[in-house]
Structure formats: C-alpha cells, structure tokens
C-alpha cells in the first residue's frame, strides 16, 4: 500500500514537472524577442542607469514597470 502511494505520488510529481517545463520552453521562446527588444534601446547607458527586472529571472530587463514574461511576477526597480 505504501509503495503504491509512493509510486502514485512520484508519477504525479514527474508529470507535473514535465508539463510545466514544456510550457516554460514555449514562454521562453515567446519572451526572447521581447527581451532582445528591451536591450536594443538607443539611449546611452548613462540615461538608462535604472531599469526594472524580475527577482526570479535577472536576465529580464525593462525600462518600465510591469510583469515578468516568464513567471508573471512584478518587475522591481534596480
């Protein structure tokens, strides 16, 4: 009985993990052009000294507040 419960829990966890990884890859692919657009600003670096980023995904940068395209968290000012 305990073995069956363990295997069921393990299977459910693995399925959940794999299904979330698949959606993350799709989200990353969709977010890649947006992230590239944010870094291609024409303003000099001194004018854009502050930016907004996700605490969980520091590679995400934006010049205005908003939500992280990967996880949906609020972007914080740096």
PDB file of N, CA and C in Angstrom:
ATOM      1  N   UNK A   1       0.832  -1.197   0.000  1.00  0.00           N
ATOM      2  CA  UNK A   1       0.000   0.000   0.000  1.00  0.00           C
ATOM      3  C   UNK A   1       0.876   1.260   0.000  1.00  0.00           C
ATOM      4  N   UNK A   2       1.890   1.285   0.853  1.00  0.00           N
ATOM      5  CA  UNK A   2       2.766   2.458   0.904  1.00  0.00           C
ATOM      6  C   UNK A   2       3.549   2.609  -0.397  1.00  0.00           C
ATOM      7  N   UNK A   3       3.944   1.484  -0.981  1.00  0.00           N
ATOM      8  CA  UNK A   3       4.689   1.512  -2.240  1.00  0.00           C
ATOM      9  C   UNK A   3       3.821   2.076  -3.355  1.00  0.00           C
ATOM     10  N   UNK A   4       2.561   1.658  -3.407  1.00  0.00           N
ATOM     11  CA  UNK A   4       1.641   2.174  -4.417  1.00  0.00           C
ATOM     12  C   UNK A   4       1.417   3.673  -4.250  1.00  0.00           C
ATOM     13  N   UNK A   5       1.260   4.128  -3.028  1.00  0.00           N
ATOM     14  CA  UNK A   5       1.067   5.546  -2.765  1.00  0.00           C
ATOM     15  C   UNK A   5       2.314   6.336  -3.164  1.00  0.00           C
ATOM     16  N   UNK A   6       3.487   5.799  -2.856  1.00  0.00           N
ATOM     17  CA  UNK A   6       4.738   6.452  -3.224  1.00  0.00           C
ATOM     18  C   UNK A   6       4.870   6.552  -4.744  1.00  0.00           C
ATOM     19  N   UNK A   7       4.593   5.453  -5.447  1.00  0.00           N
ATOM     20  CA  UNK A   7       4.694   5.455  -6.903  1.00  0.00           C
ATOM     21  C   UNK A   7       3.679   6.412  -7.536  1.00  0.00           C
ATOM     22  N   UNK A   8       2.483   6.469  -6.997  1.00  0.00           N
ATOM     23  CA  UNK A   8       1.469   7.392  -7.498  1.00  0.00           C
ATOM     24  C   UNK A   8       1.911   8.840  -7.299  1.00  0.00           C
ATOM     25  N   UNK A   9       2.440   9.141  -6.128  1.00  0.00           N
ATOM     26  CA  UNK A   9       2.930  10.490  -5.840  1.00  0.00           C
ATOM     27  C   UNK A   9       4.104  10.848  -6.743  1.00  0.00           C
ATOM     28  N   UNK A  10       5.013   9.914  -6.931  1.00  0.00           N
ATOM     29  CA  UNK A  10       6.169  10.141  -7.791  1.00  0.00           C
ATOM     30  C   UNK A  10       5.738  10.374  -9.237  1.00  0.00           C
ATOM     31  N   UNK A  11       4.799   9.592  -9.714  1.00  0.00           N
ATOM     32  CA  UNK A  11       4.301   9.746 -11.074  1.00  0.00           C
ATOM     33  C   UNK A  11       3.611  11.093 -11.263  1.00  0.00           C
ATOM     34  N   UNK A  12       2.781  11.467 -10.299  1.00  0.00           N
ATOM     35  CA  UNK A  12       2.079  12.747 -10.384  1.00  0.00           C
ATOM     36  C   UNK A  12       3.068  13.910 -10.359  1.00  0.00           C
ATOM     37  N   UNK A  13       4.069  13.838  -9.507  1.00  0.00           N
ATOM     38  CA  UNK A  13       5.069  14.903  -9.418  1.00  0.00           C
ATOM     39  C   UNK A  13       5.869  15.019 -10.709  1.00  0.00           C
ATOM     40  N   UNK A  14       6.263  13.888 -11.261  1.00  0.00           N
ATOM     41  CA  UNK A  14       7.026  13.887 -12.513  1.00  0.00           C
ATOM     42  C   UNK A  14       6.197  14.454 -13.655  1.00  0.00           C
ATOM     43  N   UNK A  15       4.941  14.065 -13.725  1.00  0.00           N
ATOM     44  CA  UNK A  15       4.051  14.576 -14.766  1.00  0.00           C
ATOM     45  C   UNK A  15       3.889  16.079 -14.639  1.00  0.00           C
ATOM     46  N   UNK A  16       3.692  16.568 -13.442  1.00  0.00           N
ATOM     47  CA  UNK A  16       3.546  17.999 -13.214  1.00  0.00           C
ATOM     48  C   UNK A  16       4.823  18.732 -13.592  1.00  0.00           C
ATOM     49  N   UNK A  17       5.953  18.203 -13.209  1.00  0.00           N
ATOM     50  CA  UNK A  17       7.237  18.828 -13.524  1.00  0.00           C
ATOM     51  C   UNK A  17       7.464  18.890 -15.023  1.00  0.00           C
ATOM     52  N   UNK A  18       7.212  17.795 -15.711  1.00  0.00           N
ATOM     53  CA  UNK A  18       7.426  17.765 -17.152  1.00  0.00           C
ATOM     54  C   UNK A  18       6.447  18.654 -17.896  1.00  0.00           C
ATOM     55  N   UNK A  19       5.222  18.728 -17.437  1.00  0.00           N
ATOM     56  CA  UNK A  19       4.246  19.576 -18.123  1.00  0.00           C
ATOM     57  C   UNK A  19       4.558  21.047 -17.917  1.00  0.00           C
ATOM     58  N   UNK A  20       5.074  21.417 -16.757  1.00  0.00           N
ATOM     59  CA  UNK A  20       5.431  22.820 -16.535  1.00  0.00           C
ATOM     60  C   UNK A  20       6.680  23.192 -17.305  1.00  0.00           C
ATOM     61  N   UNK A  21       7.591  22.258 -17.515  1.00  0.00           N
ATOM     62  CA  UNK A  21       8.792  22.536 -18.309  1.00  0.00           C
ATOM     63  C   UNK A  21       8.429  22.796 -19.756  1.00  0.00           C
ATOM     64  N   UNK A  22       7.473  22.084 -20.267  1.00  0.00           N
ATOM     65  CA  UNK A  22       7.051  22.285 -21.647  1.00  0.00           C
ATOM     66  C   UNK A  22       6.453  23.665 -21.861  1.00  0.00           C
ATOM     67  N   UNK A  23       5.649  24.136 -20.923  1.00  0.00           N
ATOM     68  CA  UNK A  23       5.053  25.457 -21.066  1.00  0.00           C
ATOM     69  C   UNK A  23       6.093  26.544 -20.858  1.00  0.00           C
ATOM     70  N   UNK A  24       7.096  26.277 -20.044  1.00  0.00           N
ATOM     71  CA  UNK A  24       8.149  27.257 -19.817  1.00  0.00           C
ATOM     72  C   UNK A  24       8.963  27.459 -21.082  1.00  0.00           C
ATOM     73  N   UNK A  25       9.242  26.382 -21.806  1.00  0.00           N
ATOM     74  CA  UNK A  25      10.006  26.500 -23.047  1.00  0.00           C
ATOM     75  C   UNK A  25       9.233  27.347 -24.052  1.00  0.00           C
ATOM     76  N   UNK A  26       7.933  27.170 -24.104  1.00  0.00           N
ATOM     77  CA  UNK A  26       7.115  27.972 -25.008  1.00  0.00           C
ATOM     78  C   UNK A  26       7.133  29.429 -24.580  1.00  0.00           C
ATOM     79  N   UNK A  27       7.040  29.691 -23.283  1.00  0.00           N
ATOM     80  CA  UNK A  27       7.070  31.051 -22.771  1.00  0.00           C
ATOM     81  C   UNK A  27       8.422  31.694 -23.039  1.00  0.00           C
ATOM     82  N   UNK A  28       9.509  30.947 -22.851  1.00  0.00           N
ATOM     83  CA  UNK A  28      10.838  31.499 -23.099  1.00  0.00           C
ATOM     84  C   UNK A  28      11.014  31.852 -24.559  1.00  0.00           C
ATOM     85  N   UNK A  29      10.510  31.026 -25.443  1.00  0.00           N
ATOM     86  CA  UNK A  29      10.625  31.298 -26.869  1.00  0.00           C
ATOM     87  C   UNK A  29       9.846  32.555 -27.231  1.00  0.00           C
ATOM     88  N   UNK A  30       8.701  32.738 -26.620  1.00  0.00           N
ATOM     89  CA  UNK A  30       7.900  33.929 -26.891  1.00  0.00           C
ATOM     90  C   UNK A  30       8.515  35.173 -26.257  1.00  0.00           C
ATOM     91  N   UNK A  31       9.187  35.012 -25.122  1.00  0.00           N
ATOM     92  CA  UNK A  31       9.768  36.152 -24.416  1.00  0.00           C
ATOM     93  C   UNK A  31      11.109  36.569 -24.994  1.00  0.00           C
ATOM     94  N   UNK A  32      11.777  35.703 -25.728  1.00  0.00           N
ATOM     95  CA  UNK A  32      13.108  36.018 -26.253  1.00  0.00           C
ATOM     96  C   UNK A  32      13.105  37.260 -27.136  1.00  0.00           C
ATOM     97  N   UNK A  33      12.176  37.437 -28.087  1.00  0.00           N
ATOM     98  CA  UNK A  33      12.188  38.659 -28.878  1.00  0.00           C
ATOM     99  C   UNK A  33      11.915  39.898 -28.041  1.00  0.00           C
ATOM    100  N   UNK A  34      11.050  39.780 -27.029  1.00  0.00           N
ATOM    101  CA  UNK A  34      10.756  40.921 -26.180  1.00  0.00           C
ATOM    102  C   UNK A  34      11.979  41.326 -25.370  1.00  0.00           C
ATOM    103  N   UNK A  35      12.713  40.352 -24.862  1.00  0.00           N
ATOM    104  CA  UNK A  35      13.922  40.650 -24.091  1.00  0.00           C
ATOM    105  C   UNK A  35      14.961  41.291 -24.985  1.00  0.00           C
ATOM    106  N   UNK A  36      15.077  40.833 -26.215  1.00  0.00           N
ATOM    107  CA  UNK A  36      16.046  41.418 -27.141  1.00  0.00           C
ATOM    108  C   UNK A  36      15.664  42.850 -27.473  1.00  0.00           C
ATOM    109  N   UNK A  37      14.371  43.134 -27.565  1.00  0.00           N
ATOM    110  CA  UNK A  37      13.922  44.483 -27.865  1.00  0.00           C
ATOM    111  C   UNK A  37      14.259  45.437 -26.734  1.00  0.00           C
ATOM    112  N   UNK A  38      14.176  44.959 -25.483  1.00  0.00           N
ATOM    113  CA  UNK A  38      14.484  45.811 -24.345  1.00  0.00           C
ATOM    114  C   UNK A  38      15.957  46.198 -24.311  1.00  0.00           C
ATOM    115  N   UNK A  39      16.838  45.328 -24.751  1.00  0.00           N
ATOM    116  CA  UNK A  39      18.266  45.617 -24.690  1.00  0.00           C
ATOM    117  C   UNK A  39      18.741  46.422 -25.882  1.00  0.00           C
ATOM    118  N   UNK A  40      17.907  46.602 -26.891  1.00  0.00           N
ATOM    119  CA  UNK A  40      18.328  47.330 -28.076  1.00  0.00           C
ATOM    120  C   UNK A  40      17.902  48.791 -28.032  1.00  0.00           C
ATOM    121  N   UNK A  41      17.752  49.356 -26.851  1.00  0.00           N
ATOM    122  CA  UNK A  41      17.373  50.757 -26.713  1.00  0.00           C
ATOM    123  C   UNK A  41      18.473  51.641 -27.282  1.00  0.00           C
ATOM    124  N   UNK A  42      18.071  52.779 -27.850  1.00  0.00           N
ATOM    125  CA  UNK A  42      19.042  53.668 -28.469  1.00  0.00           C
ATOM    126  C   UNK A  42      19.594  54.701 -27.492  1.00  0.00           C
ATOM    127  N   UNK A  43      19.054  54.771 -26.289  1.00  0.00           N
ATOM    128  CA  UNK A  43      19.528  55.738 -25.307  1.00  0.00           C
ATOM    129  C   UNK A  43      20.881  55.301 -24.759  1.00  0.00           C
ATOM    130  N   UNK A  44      21.749  56.251 -24.422  1.00  0.00           N
ATOM    131  CA  UNK A  44      23.045  55.889 -23.842  1.00  0.00           C
ATOM    132  C   UNK A  44      22.873  55.216 -22.487  1.00  0.00           C
ATOM    133  N   UNK A  45      23.867  54.460 -22.082  1.00  0.00           N
ATOM    134  CA  UNK A  45      23.796  53.711 -20.828  1.00  0.00           C
ATOM    135  C   UNK A  45      23.609  54.634 -19.629  1.00  0.00           C
ATOM    136  N   UNK A  46      24.176  55.818 -19.657  1.00  0.00           N
ATOM    137  CA  UNK A  46      24.053  56.738 -18.522  1.00  0.00           C
ATOM    138  C   UNK A  46      22.619  57.227 -18.354  1.00  0.00           C
ATOM    139  N   UNK A  47      21.862  57.320 -19.448  1.00  0.00           N
ATOM    140  CA  UNK A  47      20.481  57.783 -19.365  1.00  0.00           C
ATOM    141  C   UNK A  47      19.557  56.677 -18.859  1.00  0.00           C
ATOM    142  N   UNK A  48      19.937  55.426 -19.034  1.00  0.00           N
ATOM    143  CA  UNK A  48      19.103  54.309 -18.586  1.00  0.00           C
ATOM    144  C   UNK A  48      19.775  53.569 -17.436  1.00  0.00           C
ATOM    145  N   UNK A  49      20.297  54.323 -16.479  1.00  0.00           N
ATOM    146  CA  UNK A  49      21.006  53.715 -15.357  1.00  0.00           C
ATOM    147  C   UNK A  49      20.080  52.851 -14.517  1.00  0.00           C
ATOM    148  N   UNK A  50      18.803  53.210 -14.411  1.00  0.00           N
ATOM    149  CA  UNK A  50      17.878  52.383 -13.647  1.00  0.00           C
ATOM    150  C   UNK A  50      16.989  51.609 -14.612  1.00  0.00           C
ATOM    151  N   UNK A  51      16.623  50.409 -14.205  1.00  0.00           N
ATOM    152  CA  UNK A  51      15.792  49.555 -15.030  1.00  0.00           C
ATOM    153  C   UNK A  51      14.969  48.672 -14.116  1.00  0.00           C
ATOM    154  N   UNK A  52      14.050  47.948 -14.679  1.00  0.00           N
ATOM    155  CA  UNK A  52      13.198  47.033 -13.928  1.00  0.00           C
ATOM    156  C   UNK A  52      13.567  45.608 -14.319  1.00  0.00           C
ATOM    157  N   UNK A  53      13.613  44.741 -13.315  1.00  0.00           N
ATOM    158  CA  UNK A  53      13.972  43.350 -13.552  1.00  0.00           C
ATOM    159  C   UNK A  53      13.151  42.432 -12.652  1.00  0.00           C
ATOM    160  N   UNK A  54      13.109  41.167 -13.016  1.00  0.00           N
ATOM    161  CA  UNK A  54      12.411  40.164 -12.221  1.00  0.00           C
ATOM    162  C   UNK A  54      13.383  39.606 -11.185  1.00  0.00           C
ATOM    163  N   UNK A  55      12.925  39.432  -9.956  1.00  0.00           N
ATOM    164  CA  UNK A  55      13.793  38.888  -8.914  1.00  0.00           C
ATOM    165  C   UNK A  55      14.123  37.420  -9.163  1.00  0.00           C
ATOM    166  N   UNK A  56      13.249  36.699  -9.847  1.00  0.00           N
ATOM    167  CA  UNK A  56      13.489  35.286 -10.131  1.00  0.00           C
ATOM    168  C   UNK A  56      14.238  35.075 -11.449  1.00  0.00           C
ATOM    169  N   UNK A  57      14.141  36.031 -12.356  1.00  0.00           N
ATOM    170  CA  UNK A  57      14.774  35.929 -13.673  1.00  0.00           C
ATOM    171  C   UNK A  57      15.552  37.221 -13.941  1.00  0.00           C
ATOM    172  N   UNK A  58      16.769  37.363 -13.399  1.00  0.00           N
ATOM    173  CA  UNK A  58      17.518  38.612 -13.527  1.00  0.00           C
ATOM    174  C   UNK A  58      17.915  38.952 -14.958  1.00  0.00           C
ATOM    175  N   UNK A  59      17.765  38.018 -15.893  1.00  0.00           N
ATOM    176  CA  UNK A  59      18.085  38.317 -17.281  1.00  0.00           C
ATOM    177  C   UNK A  59      16.991  39.150 -17.955  1.00  0.00           C
ATOM    178  N   UNK A  60      15.826  39.265 -17.304  1.00  0.00           N
ATOM    179  CA  UNK A  60      14.724  40.069 -17.826  1.00  0.00           C
ATOM    180  C   UNK A  60      14.958  41.524 -17.425  1.00  0.00           C
ATOM    181  N   UNK A  61      15.010  42.416 -18.409  1.00  0.00           N
ATOM    182  CA  UNK A  61      15.202  43.852 -18.159  1.00  0.00           C
ATOM    183  C   UNK A  61      14.111  44.618 -18.897  1.00  0.00           C
ATOM    184  N   UNK A  62      13.642  45.685 -18.263  1.00  0.00           N
ATOM    185  CA  UNK A  62      12.651  46.545 -18.888  1.00  0.00           C
ATOM    186  C   UNK A  62      12.900  47.974 -18.430  1.00  0.00           C
ATOM    187  N   UNK A  63      12.538  48.946 -19.244  1.00  0.00           N
ATOM    188  CA  UNK A  63      12.706  50.341 -18.865  1.00  0.00           C
ATOM    189  C   UNK A  63      11.486  50.888 -18.144  1.00  0.00           C
ATOM    190  N   UNK A  64      10.455  50.060 -17.979  1.00  0.00           N
ATOM    191  CA  UNK A  64       9.244  50.485 -17.270  1.00  0.00           C
ATOM    192  C   UNK A  64       8.723  49.340 -16.405  1.00  0.00           C
ATOM    193  N   UNK A  65       7.940  49.645 -15.365  1.00  0.00           N
ATOM    194  CA  UNK A  65       7.405  48.573 -14.512  1.00  0.00           C
ATOM    195  C   UNK A  65       6.418  47.710 -15.292  1.00  0.00           C
ATOM    196  N   UNK A  66       6.246  46.507 -14.815  1.00  0.00           N
ATOM    197  CA  UNK A  66       5.321  45.584 -15.460  1.00  0.00           C
ATOM    198  C   UNK A  66       5.444  44.205 -14.845  1.00  0.00           C
ATOM    199  N   UNK A  67       5.121  43.191 -15.612  1.00  0.00           N
ATOM    200  CA  UNK A  67       5.160  41.803 -15.161  1.00  0.00           C
ATOM    201  C   UNK A  67       6.229  41.046 -15.940  1.00  0.00           C
ATOM    202  N   UNK A  68       6.840  40.063 -15.279  1.00  0.00           N
ATOM    203  CA  UNK A  68       7.832  39.203 -15.914  1.00  0.00           C
ATOM    204  C   UNK A  68       7.123  38.324 -16.941  1.00  0.00           C
ATOM    205  N   UNK A  69       7.651  38.252 -18.175  1.00  0.00           N
ATOM    206  CA  UNK A  69       7.000  37.407 -19.178  1.00  0.00           C
ATOM    207  C   UNK A  69       7.158  35.906 -18.901  1.00  0.00           C
ATOM    208  N   UNK A  70       8.103  35.526 -18.038  1.00  0.00           N
ATOM    209  CA  UNK A  70       8.314  34.116 -17.736  1.00  0.00           C
ATOM    210  C   UNK A  70       7.428  33.625 -16.605  1.00  0.00           C
ATOM    211  N   UNK A  71       7.344  34.416 -15.512  1.00  0.00           N
ATOM    212  CA  UNK A  71       6.636  33.914 -14.336  1.00  0.00           C
ATOM    213  C   UNK A  71       5.464  34.791 -13.897  1.00  0.00           C
ATOM    214  N   UNK A  72       5.368  36.006 -14.422  1.00  0.00           N
ATOM    215  CA  UNK A  72       4.251  36.883 -14.071  1.00  0.00           C
ATOM    216  C   UNK A  72       4.462  37.720 -12.822  1.00  0.00           C
ATOM    217  N   UNK A  73       5.640  37.615 -12.191  1.00  0.00           N
ATOM    218  CA  UNK A  73       5.911  38.436 -11.009  1.00  0.00           C
ATOM    219  C   UNK A  73       6.092  39.897 -11.407  1.00  0.00           C
ATOM    220  N   UNK A  74       5.868  40.818 -10.469  1.00  0.00           N
ATOM    221  CA  UNK A  74       6.109  42.222 -10.723  1.00  0.00           C
ATOM    222  C   UNK A  74       7.594  42.483 -10.886  1.00  0.00           C
ATOM    223  N   UNK A  75       7.939  43.345 -11.835  1.00  0.00           N
ATOM    224  CA  UNK A  75       9.325  43.743 -12.026  1.00  0.00           C
ATOM    225  C   UNK A  75       9.672  44.796 -10.979  1.00  0.00           C
ATOM    226  N   UNK A  76      10.894  44.730 -10.453  1.00  0.00           N
ATOM    227  CA  UNK A  76      11.338  45.661  -9.429  1.00  0.00           C
ATOM    228  C   UNK A  76      12.426  46.568  -9.997  1.00  0.00           C
ATOM    229  N   UNK A  77      12.483  47.791  -9.486  1.00  0.00           N
ATOM    230  CA  UNK A  77      13.456  48.773  -9.976  1.00  0.00           C
ATOM    231  C   UNK A  77      14.825  48.480  -9.417  1.00  0.00           C
ATOM    232  N   UNK A  78      15.833  48.548 -10.278  1.00  0.00           N
ATOM    233  CA  UNK A  78      17.229  48.359  -9.874  1.00  0.00           C
ATOM    234  C   UNK A  78      18.011  49.593 -10.153  1.00  0.00           C
TER     235      UNK A  78
END
